Every structure is written in C-alpha cells, then in structure tokens.
Protein backbone atom coordinates (compact mmCIF):
# COMPACT_ATOMS: atom_id res chain seq x y z
CA MET A 1 -1.98 56.24 -55.87
CA LYS A 2 -4.63 54.10 -54.16
CA ARG A 3 -3.41 50.67 -53.03
CA VAL A 4 -5.82 47.76 -53.53
CA LEU A 5 -5.59 44.15 -52.35
CA ILE A 6 -7.61 41.70 -54.47
CA THR A 7 -7.85 38.13 -53.19
CA GLY A 8 -8.68 35.36 -55.65
CA ALA A 9 -6.99 37.61 -58.19
CA ALA A 10 -6.07 34.88 -60.67
CA GLY A 11 -9.66 33.71 -60.94
CA PHE A 12 -12.30 34.69 -63.48
CA LEU A 13 -13.79 37.68 -61.64
CA GLY A 14 -10.65 38.55 -59.69
CA SER A 15 -8.57 38.95 -62.84
CA HIS A 16 -11.12 41.29 -64.43
CA LEU A 17 -11.12 43.36 -61.23
CA CYS A 18 -7.31 43.54 -61.43
CA ASP A 19 -7.66 44.92 -64.95
CA ARG A 20 -10.15 47.54 -63.82
CA PHE A 21 -8.17 48.82 -60.86
CA VAL A 22 -4.91 48.91 -62.84
CA LYS A 23 -6.79 50.94 -65.46
CA GLU A 24 -8.02 53.27 -62.69
CA GLY A 25 -4.38 54.01 -61.83
CA CYS A 26 -4.30 52.02 -58.59
CA HIS A 27 -1.45 49.92 -57.26
CA VAL A 28 -2.89 46.40 -57.26
CA ILE A 29 -1.67 43.66 -54.93
CA ALA A 30 -3.04 40.42 -56.35
CA MET A 31 -3.25 37.44 -53.99
CA ASP A 32 -4.17 33.84 -54.88
CA ASN A 33 -3.23 30.32 -53.78
CA LEU A 34 -4.03 29.04 -57.31
CA ILE A 35 -6.21 26.13 -56.21
CA THR A 36 -8.75 27.21 -58.82
CA GLY A 37 -7.11 30.34 -60.24
CA ASP A 38 -4.78 30.43 -63.24
CA MET A 39 -1.74 32.67 -63.71
CA LYS A 40 -2.65 32.93 -67.38
CA ASN A 41 -5.49 35.27 -66.38
CA ILE A 42 -3.12 37.91 -64.98
CA GLU A 43 0.18 37.27 -66.77
CA HIS A 44 -0.40 40.32 -69.00
CA LEU A 45 -0.29 42.48 -65.84
CA MET A 46 2.91 41.03 -64.36
CA PRO A 47 5.36 43.45 -66.09
CA LEU A 48 3.51 46.53 -64.79
CA GLU A 49 5.06 48.62 -62.00
CA ASN A 50 1.71 49.13 -60.31
CA PHE A 51 0.90 45.41 -60.15
CA GLU A 52 2.34 42.72 -57.89
CA PHE A 53 1.39 39.11 -57.20
CA GLN A 54 1.54 37.21 -53.91
CA HIS A 55 1.14 33.43 -53.98
CA HIS A 56 -0.68 33.00 -50.68
CA ASP A 57 -3.69 31.30 -49.07
CA VAL A 58 -5.84 33.93 -47.35
CA SER A 59 -7.09 31.31 -44.89
CA ASN A 60 -3.66 31.76 -43.30
CA HIS A 61 -2.42 35.01 -41.73
CA ILE A 62 -2.17 37.84 -44.27
CA HIS A 63 0.73 40.28 -44.20
CA VAL A 64 0.74 43.22 -46.61
CA PRO A 65 3.36 45.92 -45.97
CA GLY A 66 2.38 49.57 -46.35
CA ASP A 67 -0.95 51.29 -46.62
CA LEU A 68 -4.10 49.81 -48.09
CA ASP A 69 -7.13 51.75 -49.27
CA TYR A 70 -9.34 48.90 -50.49
CA ILE A 71 -9.62 45.14 -50.04
CA LEU A 72 -11.76 43.04 -52.39
CA HIS A 73 -12.24 39.50 -51.10
CA PHE A 74 -12.89 37.23 -54.10
CA ALA A 75 -10.97 34.17 -52.94
CA SER A 76 -13.31 31.18 -53.03
CA PRO A 77 -14.09 28.21 -55.22
CA ALA A 78 -17.27 29.21 -57.07
CA SER A 79 -18.22 26.23 -59.21
CA PRO A 80 -19.92 23.03 -58.01
CA ILE A 81 -17.08 20.85 -59.32
CA ASP A 82 -14.58 22.85 -57.26
CA TYR A 83 -16.40 23.21 -53.97
CA LEU A 84 -17.59 19.61 -53.97
CA LYS A 85 -13.98 18.51 -54.54
CA ILE A 86 -12.48 20.81 -51.90
CA PRO A 87 -15.29 21.39 -49.37
CA ILE A 88 -13.08 22.09 -46.35
CA GLN A 89 -11.02 24.72 -48.18
CA THR A 90 -14.26 26.31 -49.39
CA LEU A 91 -15.55 26.62 -45.83
CA LYS A 92 -12.20 27.90 -44.57
CA VAL A 93 -11.84 30.67 -47.14
CA GLY A 94 -15.38 31.86 -46.35
CA SER A 95 -14.68 31.91 -42.61
CA LEU A 96 -10.96 32.12 -41.76
CA GLY A 97 -10.24 33.88 -45.03
CA VAL A 98 -12.82 36.62 -44.59
CA HIS A 99 -11.83 37.00 -40.91
CA ASN A 100 -8.20 37.55 -41.90
CA CYS A 101 -9.18 40.07 -44.58
CA LEU A 102 -11.46 41.97 -42.21
CA GLY A 103 -8.73 42.05 -39.57
CA LEU A 104 -6.37 43.48 -42.16
CA ALA A 105 -8.97 46.05 -43.23
CA LYS A 106 -9.40 47.10 -39.59
CA ALA A 107 -5.64 47.40 -39.06
CA LYS A 108 -5.10 49.38 -42.28
CA GLY A 109 -8.25 51.50 -42.14
CA ALA A 110 -9.20 50.09 -45.53
CA ARG A 111 -12.65 49.75 -47.08
CA MET A 112 -13.52 46.13 -47.85
CA LEU A 113 -15.90 44.62 -50.41
CA ILE A 114 -16.81 40.94 -50.23
CA ALA A 115 -18.01 38.74 -53.06
CA SER A 116 -21.15 37.15 -51.74
CA THR A 117 -23.47 35.26 -54.07
CA SER A 118 -27.03 34.59 -55.13
CA GLU A 119 -26.48 31.13 -53.64
CA ILE A 120 -27.19 32.56 -50.19
CA TYR A 121 -30.83 32.50 -51.33
CA GLY A 122 -30.61 28.72 -51.84
CA ASP A 123 -33.56 27.23 -53.74
CA PRO A 124 -35.66 30.39 -53.41
CA LEU A 125 -39.29 30.57 -52.37
CA VAL A 126 -39.39 34.24 -53.45
CA HIS A 127 -39.03 35.33 -57.07
CA PRO A 128 -37.30 37.48 -58.15
CA GLN A 129 -34.92 37.55 -55.21
CA THR A 130 -34.67 40.78 -53.21
CA GLU A 131 -31.98 41.56 -50.67
CA GLU A 132 -34.58 41.31 -47.88
CA TYR A 133 -35.19 37.62 -48.63
CA TRP A 134 -33.35 35.40 -46.12
CA GLY A 135 -33.09 32.35 -48.34
CA ASN A 136 -33.96 28.65 -48.36
CA VAL A 137 -30.68 26.80 -47.83
CA ASN A 138 -29.94 23.21 -46.82
CA PRO A 139 -26.88 23.58 -44.53
CA VAL A 140 -26.00 19.86 -44.64
CA GLY A 141 -26.66 19.25 -48.33
CA PRO A 142 -23.86 19.00 -50.91
CA ARG A 143 -24.10 22.71 -51.77
CA GLY A 144 -24.10 23.72 -48.09
CA VAL A 145 -20.32 24.08 -47.94
CA TYR A 146 -20.50 26.96 -50.44
CA ASP A 147 -23.87 28.46 -49.49
CA GLU A 148 -23.20 28.54 -45.75
CA ALA A 149 -19.63 29.79 -46.21
CA LYS A 150 -21.01 32.79 -48.06
CA ARG A 151 -23.77 33.34 -45.51
CA PHE A 152 -21.23 33.25 -42.67
CA GLN A 153 -19.03 35.62 -44.67
CA GLU A 154 -21.85 38.16 -44.83
CA ALA A 155 -22.52 37.83 -41.08
CA MET A 156 -18.84 38.27 -40.19
CA THR A 157 -18.53 41.27 -42.50
CA MET A 158 -21.56 42.97 -40.98
CA ALA A 159 -20.24 42.24 -37.47
CA TYR A 160 -16.95 43.98 -38.26
CA HIS A 161 -18.91 46.89 -39.72
CA THR A 162 -21.22 47.35 -36.73
CA TYR A 163 -18.81 46.42 -33.90
CA HIS A 164 -15.45 47.68 -35.20
CA GLY A 165 -16.66 50.39 -37.56
CA VAL A 166 -14.88 48.89 -40.58
CA GLU A 167 -16.16 50.27 -43.88
CA THR A 168 -17.61 47.24 -45.67
CA ARG A 169 -19.61 46.52 -48.81
CA ILE A 170 -21.48 43.28 -49.64
CA ALA A 171 -22.11 42.30 -53.27
CA ARG A 172 -24.51 39.42 -53.93
CA ILE A 173 -23.31 38.29 -57.34
CA PHE A 174 -25.62 36.41 -59.70
CA ASN A 175 -24.55 34.20 -62.63
CA THR A 176 -21.77 35.98 -64.51
CA TYR A 177 -19.99 35.02 -67.71
CA GLY A 178 -17.30 36.21 -70.10
CA PRO A 179 -13.72 35.60 -71.21
CA ARG A 180 -11.43 33.69 -68.80
CA MET A 181 -14.14 31.37 -67.51
CA ARG A 182 -12.97 27.78 -67.25
CA LEU A 183 -14.72 25.46 -69.67
CA ASN A 184 -14.78 22.47 -67.34
CA ASP A 185 -15.80 24.04 -64.03
CA GLY A 186 -19.35 22.66 -63.99
CA ARG A 187 -21.23 25.92 -64.56
CA VAL A 188 -23.92 25.86 -67.18
CA LEU A 189 -22.67 28.44 -69.69
CA PRO A 190 -19.06 27.24 -70.14
CA ALA A 191 -20.29 23.64 -69.94
CA PHE A 192 -22.68 24.18 -72.87
CA ILE A 193 -20.10 26.03 -74.98
CA GLY A 194 -17.42 23.46 -74.19
CA GLN A 195 -19.71 20.60 -75.18
CA ALA A 196 -20.62 22.37 -78.43
CA LEU A 197 -16.96 23.02 -79.31
CA ARG A 198 -16.05 19.39 -78.61
CA GLY A 199 -18.96 18.09 -80.69
CA GLU A 200 -20.76 16.62 -77.68
CA ASP A 201 -24.47 16.72 -76.94
CA LEU A 202 -25.51 19.45 -74.50
CA THR A 203 -26.43 18.13 -71.06
CA VAL A 204 -29.41 19.67 -69.29
CA PHE A 205 -30.06 18.58 -65.72
CA GLY A 206 -33.70 18.23 -64.75
CA ASP A 207 -36.44 19.03 -67.25
CA GLY A 208 -34.79 22.31 -68.28
CA SER A 209 -37.56 24.51 -66.89
CA GLN A 210 -35.29 25.89 -64.16
CA THR A 211 -34.12 29.44 -64.87
CA ARG A 212 -30.93 31.48 -64.67
CA SER A 213 -30.08 35.13 -65.32
CA PHE A 214 -26.69 35.78 -66.92
CA CYS A 215 -24.68 39.00 -66.48
CA TYR A 216 -21.71 39.90 -68.69
CA VAL A 217 -18.50 40.31 -66.69
CA GLY A 218 -17.89 43.90 -67.85
CA ASP A 219 -21.28 44.95 -66.51
CA LEU A 220 -20.64 43.13 -63.24
CA VAL A 221 -17.25 44.78 -62.68
CA GLU A 222 -18.81 48.20 -63.21
CA GLY A 223 -21.48 47.39 -60.62
CA LEU A 224 -18.87 46.19 -58.13
CA PHE A 225 -16.77 49.30 -58.66
CA ARG A 226 -19.75 51.56 -58.03
CA LEU A 227 -20.72 49.61 -54.91
CA LEU A 228 -17.19 49.88 -53.51
CA LYS A 229 -17.24 53.65 -54.04
CA SER A 230 -20.72 54.05 -52.54
CA ASP A 231 -21.57 54.65 -48.88
CA TYR A 232 -24.04 51.73 -48.67
CA ALA A 233 -23.12 48.90 -46.28
CA GLN A 234 -26.10 46.55 -46.69
CA PRO A 235 -26.08 43.73 -49.29
CA VAL A 236 -26.75 44.67 -52.92
CA ASN A 237 -27.72 42.29 -55.72
CA ILE A 238 -25.44 42.66 -58.76
CA GLY A 239 -26.67 40.72 -61.78
CA ASN A 240 -28.78 40.80 -64.91
CA PRO A 241 -32.55 40.28 -64.40
CA ASP A 242 -33.01 38.98 -67.97
CA GLU A 243 -34.21 35.46 -67.07
CA ILE A 244 -34.13 32.41 -69.35
CA SER A 245 -34.89 28.71 -68.89
CA ILE A 246 -32.00 26.28 -69.15
CA SER A 247 -33.67 24.48 -72.10
CA ASP A 248 -34.06 27.73 -74.03
CA PHE A 249 -30.50 28.68 -73.16
CA ALA A 250 -29.20 25.39 -74.55
CA GLU A 251 -30.97 26.16 -77.83
CA GLU A 252 -29.39 29.63 -77.84
CA ILE A 253 -25.92 28.07 -77.51
CA ILE A 254 -26.61 25.62 -80.34
CA SER A 255 -27.73 28.53 -82.54
CA LEU A 256 -24.71 30.63 -81.52
CA THR A 257 -22.17 27.89 -82.24
CA GLY A 258 -23.82 26.69 -85.43
CA THR A 259 -23.61 23.09 -84.27
CA ASP A 260 -26.24 20.40 -84.63
CA GLN A 261 -25.88 18.65 -81.27
CA LYS A 262 -28.88 17.31 -79.45
CA VAL A 263 -29.93 18.28 -75.95
CA ILE A 264 -29.92 15.35 -73.52
CA TYR A 265 -31.53 15.37 -70.08
CA LYS A 266 -30.18 13.96 -66.82
CA ASP A 267 -31.40 13.97 -63.20
CA LEU A 268 -31.34 17.29 -61.40
CA PRO A 269 -28.59 17.47 -58.73
CA VAL A 270 -29.62 17.67 -55.08
CA ASP A 271 -30.67 21.18 -53.92
CA ASP A 272 -30.12 22.69 -57.37
CA PRO A 273 -32.05 26.00 -57.38
CA LYS A 274 -35.11 26.09 -59.64
CA GLN A 275 -35.08 29.85 -60.22
CA ARG A 276 -32.49 32.60 -60.28
CA GLN A 277 -33.40 36.20 -61.04
CA PRO A 278 -32.09 39.24 -59.19
CA ASP A 279 -34.23 42.16 -58.18
CA ILE A 280 -31.79 45.02 -58.88
CA THR A 281 -33.97 47.88 -57.63
CA LYS A 282 -31.33 48.78 -55.02
CA ALA A 283 -28.47 48.73 -57.54
CA LYS A 284 -30.44 51.00 -59.86
CA GLY A 285 -31.40 53.44 -57.13
CA ILE A 286 -28.27 53.50 -54.99
CA LEU A 287 -25.54 52.87 -57.58
CA ASP A 288 -27.27 54.19 -60.71
CA TRP A 289 -26.27 50.85 -62.25
CA GLN A 290 -27.90 48.31 -64.50
CA PRO A 291 -26.51 45.93 -67.13
CA THR A 292 -25.99 47.35 -70.61
CA VAL A 293 -24.58 44.34 -72.50
CA SER A 294 -27.27 42.12 -74.04
CA ARG A 295 -26.97 38.35 -73.69
CA ALA A 296 -26.58 38.02 -77.48
CA GLU A 297 -23.68 40.50 -77.50
CA GLY A 298 -21.98 39.06 -74.44
CA LEU A 299 -22.31 35.48 -75.63
CA LYS A 300 -20.71 36.36 -78.95
CA ILE A 301 -17.66 37.84 -77.19
CA THR A 302 -17.45 34.85 -74.85
CA TYR A 303 -17.77 32.32 -77.65
CA GLU A 304 -14.97 34.00 -79.60
CA TYR A 305 -12.76 33.71 -76.52
CA PHE A 306 -13.50 29.99 -76.10
CA LYS A 307 -12.95 29.38 -79.82
CA SER A 308 -9.44 30.84 -79.46
CA LEU A 309 -8.42 28.17 -76.93
CA THR A 310 -6.00 25.48 -78.00
CA GLU A 311 -7.13 21.88 -78.37
CA GLU A 312 -5.30 21.05 -75.13
CA GLU A 313 -7.07 23.86 -73.25
CA LEU A 314 -10.41 22.77 -74.67
CA HIS A 315 -10.07 19.30 -73.18
CA LYS A 316 -7.99 19.86 -70.05
CA LYS A 317 -9.45 19.24 -66.59
CA ASP A 318 -6.80 20.97 -64.49
CA HIS A 319 -5.28 24.41 -64.82
CA LYS A 320 -1.70 25.58 -64.80
CA SER A 321 -0.02 25.64 -61.39
CA PHE A 322 2.10 28.51 -60.07
CA ASP A 323 5.18 26.28 -60.21
CA SER A 324 4.71 25.57 -63.92
CA TYR A 325 4.21 29.27 -64.57
CA ILE A 326 7.42 30.45 -62.88
CA LYS A 327 9.45 27.75 -64.62
C-alpha cells in the first residue's frame, strides 16, 4: 500500500485529493493547521483505516513515522481574502513549509508534487500563458505575498530536484471550482453564487472585460494525478482553456440560479490580472490530459452543492475550527 502525505488536506483541493488517493487504495496521511481548511471536508474519511489526520502547521518541523511514497504540498491560503488577512503565514507556508516538505521527501525518498498557481504569471503580457512565460508580478503589491510565495516555492522545488536529486513535480493550477469551495473566500465563482443565493446583486470589479478560465475540480484532480505519476519535472499548466469574461460569467450565474439580480460594478483591485487562460499543450502531450467536464455541467453540480448548505453556512464568514470538531 502506497503511503501519501497531503498537506492542506482539509482545504478545497486537498480534500478532493484525499478522496482520490483513498480510492486508489493508498494510505493517506492528511495534514492541516485549519487556518483556512475545514474538517467538514474530510470528516467522511475519518473512520477509514487507510486515512489519518494530523493537526499540524507545515511551516514548523514535520515528523511522519514510517515510509512515504508521495508528498503533495497543497498547504497555502489561496483566496485574496485569506492571504491579505494572513500575509506572513502565506509567505511562510510557501517558503518554510515547502522547505520542510522537500526535506522530508529527501529523507524518505518520496516523490513530491507542489501546488503552484497561475498567479506566478501575475498580470500577464502573454496570452494564453505558456509554461515558458516568466510572468509580470509586482513583488511589493498586495498580491505579492501569494504570488512571490508560489514563485519561491517553484525555485526551491527545482533546487531540491537538481541539487539533491529529489523527484519533484510542479503543477501550475488555474482557476478551479466545485463542491467544498467556501462561499465567502473572495474568489469570483463562489462569490457570484453566494450573492445569488442570498438575493444580493452580483459584484463585478472593473468593467468586467477581464477574463478567467474555470476548470472543474474532478478534471483538475485527474490532471494532478497524471502529473504525479509522470516522469516530467518541469512546470505544467493544469486548467481549462475555455475562457470567458467576468461580465459574461456573471450573466451565466444569473441564468443558472434563475435569479433576477442586477450586476453592479466596482473599482478593480490593485494588480488584479486582466487575463487568465492556460496553454495546456504540455499537459495534452505529456500527460494525455485535457478537461472533459463542460462549464455548464460543472456549474450545475457546484450550484447544487451550494444550494444544499444551511442558512448559517450560507452567511458565515469563518469556518469550523479543529477544537469545535473534536468536541
């Protein structure tokens, strides 16, 4: 039985990865400090013999007894609300956290995959974005704490690969959505659906001409799994190249939810990227992967999940702590 450590395991992507590796018959060690994660995302796995949870901050020393075959480093705040609220922790998990994970991978002889992001491209001057593009990032702007943490994470990972011979994989993840997203985390898709469900007008920042490309979480997990199993150590874009403007996307959400809210416009945040579209030529060629779930299909599944939330969950700002879960 392969043993897998997944950091950030109680988060949106981390929890879906836990599901996948449990399904693959692996023993999953889930690790999270629950700053942004929620035990609700993995509570269905807790009774399983091949699943265990460690409440731990990976920015501190990591100790995992026994062998490890794979490490997937997904511990990081990923939404603007989170990383603007906890900027130091965001920088630490992308530096100290990845260093600790890479040290563990070296000691255990494990293969490690890191969750990088399309944000390393910043506000891109190249469209669509290829892996060869170095990015246009403001290191001292408000988004710099997240963007530069991820860029450092890639550099540290490649250094361990070239200098220490650690088997590493780098996934540059583009906008992803699906069940278990938090409604109030500041990202555009859950924000729009949350506003529609609460009867609020949908807020578009800027003139709405900026674009995003949304990938359903099931497709993303499949891409990550194939990348981990591959022998390719350079960065690979994982995302859906189906691009849409934010204004058009707002209208799609209004149509999906059957609501009659208006779209209101506010000033664009500083350094907000104008375009996001992955070039997935490498993923197609190297991993034989491309998204299969259409946006219409994925949004329907996601909307049904959000509709199932309680009124308290629909309006809450904070998520359940580990202490409240174990009580």
